[in-house]
N, C-alpha and C. Protein backbone atom coordinates (compact mmCIF):
# COMPACT_ATOMS: atom_id res chain seq x y z
N UNK A 1 0.70 -0.94 -0.42
CA UNK A 1 -0.11 0.15 -0.01
C UNK A 1 1.23 1.11 -0.04
N UNK A 2 1.86 0.90 0.60
CA UNK A 2 2.78 2.79 0.89
C UNK A 2 2.65 3.01 1.93
N UNK A 3 2.97 4.64 2.04
CA UNK A 3 3.20 5.40 2.78
C UNK A 3 1.79 6.06 3.23
N UNK A 4 1.44 6.11 4.28
CA UNK A 4 0.55 7.16 3.37
C UNK A 4 0.22 8.44 4.54
N UNK A 5 -0.78 9.19 5.05
CA UNK A 5 -1.00 10.83 5.25
C UNK A 5 -2.01 11.12 5.87
N UNK A 6 -3.44 10.57 7.59
CA UNK A 6 -3.98 11.40 6.91
C UNK A 6 -4.01 12.41 7.67
N UNK A 7 -4.98 13.26 6.71
CA UNK A 7 -5.79 15.03 8.08
C UNK A 7 -7.01 14.52 8.46
N UNK A 8 -6.69 15.80 9.41
CA UNK A 8 -7.79 15.38 9.97
C UNK A 8 -7.77 17.42 10.14
N UNK A 9 -8.86 17.64 10.94
CA UNK A 9 -9.29 18.35 11.79
C UNK A 9 -10.97 18.77 12.60
N UNK A 10 -10.52 19.21 13.47
CA UNK A 10 -12.14 19.94 14.21
C UNK A 10 -12.49 21.13 14.63
N UNK A 11 -13.71 21.93 15.16
CA UNK A 11 -13.35 22.86 15.37
C UNK A 11 -14.34 22.90 16.44
N UNK A 12 -14.08 22.87 18.38
CA UNK A 12 -14.68 23.83 19.20
C UNK A 12 -15.99 24.67 19.19
N UNK A 13 -15.39 25.41 18.05
CA UNK A 13 -16.95 26.36 18.02
C UNK A 13 -17.97 26.28 17.08
N UNK A 14 -17.45 25.17 15.89
CA UNK A 14 -18.45 25.20 15.07
C UNK A 14 -19.29 24.46 14.78
N UNK A 15 -20.42 23.55 15.31
CA UNK A 15 -20.44 22.09 15.05
C UNK A 15 -20.74 21.99 14.19
N UNK A 16 -19.83 20.80 13.68
CA UNK A 16 -19.47 19.91 12.52
C UNK A 16 -18.78 20.52 11.16
N UNK A 17 -17.51 20.78 11.75
CA UNK A 17 -16.81 21.38 11.59
C UNK A 17 -15.15 20.69 11.74
N UNK A 18 -15.67 19.61 11.02
CA UNK A 18 -14.72 18.63 10.70
C UNK A 18 -14.44 17.72 9.37
N UNK A 19 -13.06 16.96 9.65
CA UNK A 19 -13.50 16.39 8.14
C UNK A 19 -12.18 15.39 8.94
N UNK A 20 -12.00 14.19 8.66
CA UNK A 20 -10.33 13.22 8.37
C UNK A 20 -10.48 12.38 7.26
N UNK A 21 -9.48 12.47 6.42
CA UNK A 21 -9.08 11.63 5.02
C UNK A 21 -7.76 11.21 4.93
N UNK A 22 -7.79 10.27 4.47
CA UNK A 22 -5.92 9.14 4.64
C UNK A 22 -6.46 9.77 3.37
N UNK A 23 -4.26 9.84 2.41
CA UNK A 23 -3.74 9.53 1.62
C UNK A 23 -2.89 9.11 1.82
N UNK A 24 -2.62 8.15 0.42
CA UNK A 24 -0.90 8.01 -0.49
C UNK A 24 -0.38 8.97 -0.77
N UNK A 25 0.93 8.35 -0.34
CA UNK A 25 2.27 9.82 -0.90
C UNK A 25 2.06 9.61 -2.35
N UNK A 26 1.22 8.46 -2.96
CA UNK A 26 1.36 8.93 -4.43
C UNK A 26 0.02 9.49 -4.87
N UNK A 27 -1.14 9.88 -4.16
CA UNK A 27 -1.80 9.94 -4.80
C UNK A 27 -2.01 11.81 -4.43
N UNK A 28 -0.96 12.38 -3.42
CA UNK A 28 -0.30 13.60 -2.87
C UNK A 28 0.39 13.92 -3.77
N UNK A 29 1.37 12.71 -4.18
CA UNK A 29 2.35 13.63 -5.35
C UNK A 29 4.08 13.84 -4.32
N UNK A 30 3.92 13.16 -3.42
CA UNK A 30 4.77 13.05 -3.05
C UNK A 30 5.90 11.77 -2.67
N UNK A 31 6.89 12.33 -2.52
CA UNK A 31 8.30 11.14 -3.17
C UNK A 31 8.56 10.78 -1.51
N UNK A 32 8.24 9.58 -1.11
CA UNK A 32 8.12 8.86 -0.03
C UNK A 32 10.27 9.40 0.12
N UNK A 33 11.45 9.19 -0.42
CA UNK A 33 12.61 9.87 -0.50
C UNK A 33 12.67 10.63 0.69
N UNK A 34 11.99 11.58 0.68
CA UNK A 34 11.87 12.96 1.02
C UNK A 34 12.65 13.28 2.71
N UNK A 35 13.66 14.61 2.43
CA UNK A 35 14.30 15.05 3.96
C UNK A 35 12.98 14.65 4.80
N UNK A 36 12.66 14.88 6.19
CA UNK A 36 12.09 15.44 7.67
C UNK A 36 11.59 16.92 6.73
N UNK A 37 12.00 17.13 6.51
CA UNK A 37 12.07 19.34 6.54
C UNK A 37 11.41 19.18 5.40
N UNK A 38 12.08 18.90 4.49
CA UNK A 38 10.90 18.81 3.08
C UNK A 38 9.39 18.35 3.12
N UNK A 39 9.17 16.64 3.42
CA UNK A 39 8.59 16.58 3.89
C UNK A 39 7.41 17.41 4.15
N UNK A 40 7.90 17.39 6.03
CA UNK A 40 6.76 17.93 6.47
C UNK A 40 6.06 20.16 5.57
N UNK A 41 7.92 20.63 4.77
CA UNK A 41 6.87 21.85 4.71
C UNK A 41 5.42 21.53 3.56
N UNK A 42 5.92 19.89 2.46
CA UNK A 42 5.04 19.71 1.59
C UNK A 42 3.76 19.25 2.23
N UNK A 43 3.89 18.92 2.96
CA UNK A 43 2.39 18.67 3.72
C UNK A 43 1.51 19.54 4.14
N UNK A 44 2.03 20.49 5.09
CA UNK A 44 1.90 21.85 5.95
C UNK A 44 1.20 22.73 4.21
N UNK A 45 1.90 22.52 2.92
CA UNK A 45 1.14 23.11 2.29
C UNK A 45 -0.35 22.27 1.73
N UNK A 46 0.01 21.04 1.74
CA UNK A 46 -0.64 20.61 1.04
C UNK A 46 -2.32 19.68 2.58
N UNK A 47 -1.46 20.71 2.84
CA UNK A 47 -3.08 20.64 4.35
C UNK A 47 -3.82 21.65 4.02
N UNK A 48 -3.47 22.39 4.00
CA UNK A 48 -3.88 24.10 4.16
C UNK A 48 -4.64 24.22 2.87
N UNK A 49 -4.54 23.81 2.11
CA UNK A 49 -5.85 23.69 0.53
C UNK A 49 -6.16 22.39 1.46
N UNK A 50 -6.10 21.75 1.15
CA UNK A 50 -7.03 20.39 2.01
C UNK A 50 -8.61 21.39 2.72
N UNK A 51 -7.91 21.74 3.77
CA UNK A 51 -8.44 22.59 5.00
C UNK A 51 -9.74 23.07 4.20
N UNK A 52 -9.20 23.63 3.23
CA UNK A 52 -10.08 25.01 2.86
C UNK A 52 -10.87 24.91 1.91
N UNK A 53 -10.66 23.68 1.28
CA UNK A 53 -11.11 22.96 0.29
C UNK A 53 -12.46 22.47 0.74
N UNK A 54 -12.27 21.61 2.11
CA UNK A 54 -13.10 20.87 3.18
C UNK A 54 -13.70 21.78 3.91
N UNK A 55 -13.80 23.42 3.69
CA UNK A 55 -14.70 24.37 4.72
C UNK A 55 -14.93 24.95 3.72
N UNK A 56 -14.66 25.21 2.28
CA UNK A 56 -15.77 25.89 1.51
C UNK A 56 -16.60 26.43 1.60
N UNK A 57 -15.49 27.94 2.03
CA UNK A 57 -15.88 29.34 2.76
C UNK A 57 -16.20 30.70 1.74
N UNK A 58 -16.98 31.04 2.18
CA UNK A 58 -16.69 32.04 1.71
C UNK A 58 -16.73 33.38 2.01
N UNK A 59 -16.19 34.60 2.40
CA UNK A 59 -16.14 35.71 2.73
C UNK A 59 -15.79 36.93 2.11
N UNK A 60 -15.89 37.57 2.94
CA UNK A 60 -16.20 39.61 3.16
C UNK A 60 -16.40 40.32 3.78
N UNK A 61 -15.20 41.22 3.85
CA UNK A 61 -14.89 42.25 4.55
C UNK A 61 -15.59 43.58 4.07
N UNK A 62 -16.60 44.68 5.27
CA UNK A 62 -16.49 45.62 4.32
C UNK A 62 -16.42 46.63 5.50
N UNK A 63 -15.95 47.36 5.18
CA UNK A 63 -15.48 49.19 6.13
C UNK A 63 -16.26 49.67 5.29
N UNK A 64 -17.22 50.48 6.60
CA UNK A 64 -17.94 52.10 6.14
C UNK A 64 -17.03 53.02 7.04
N UNK A 65 -17.08 53.52 6.46
CA UNK A 65 -17.14 55.21 6.97
C UNK A 65 -18.00 56.06 7.42
N UNK A 66 -17.65 56.46 8.55
CA UNK A 66 -18.84 57.19 9.11
C UNK A 66 -18.86 58.45 8.01
N UNK A 67 -20.81 59.32 7.62
CA UNK A 67 -20.68 60.14 6.65
C UNK A 67 -20.33 61.92 7.20
N UNK A 68 -19.85 62.52 7.44
CA UNK A 68 -19.39 63.70 7.50
C UNK A 68 -20.77 64.53 8.31
N UNK A 69 -20.53 65.21 9.86
CA UNK A 69 -22.22 65.63 10.19
C UNK A 69 -21.93 67.02 9.34
N UNK A 70 -22.37 67.83 9.35
CA UNK A 70 -22.93 69.17 9.67
C UNK A 70 -23.35 70.02 10.13
């Protein structure tokens, strides 16, 4: 089966905001021969993309300025 990695997250603040999924290194396009630091960096980047995809959120930031009073 080869090497695998399991990604998981949950939120204590938002009910239902949790997920767990296991991938093979092959599926993630990772070389099993990567040194620990390079592997950690690659997995961190892949994990962040995975979380954003799972959360599937949209957001906006709106600022407003008070109108000058006469």
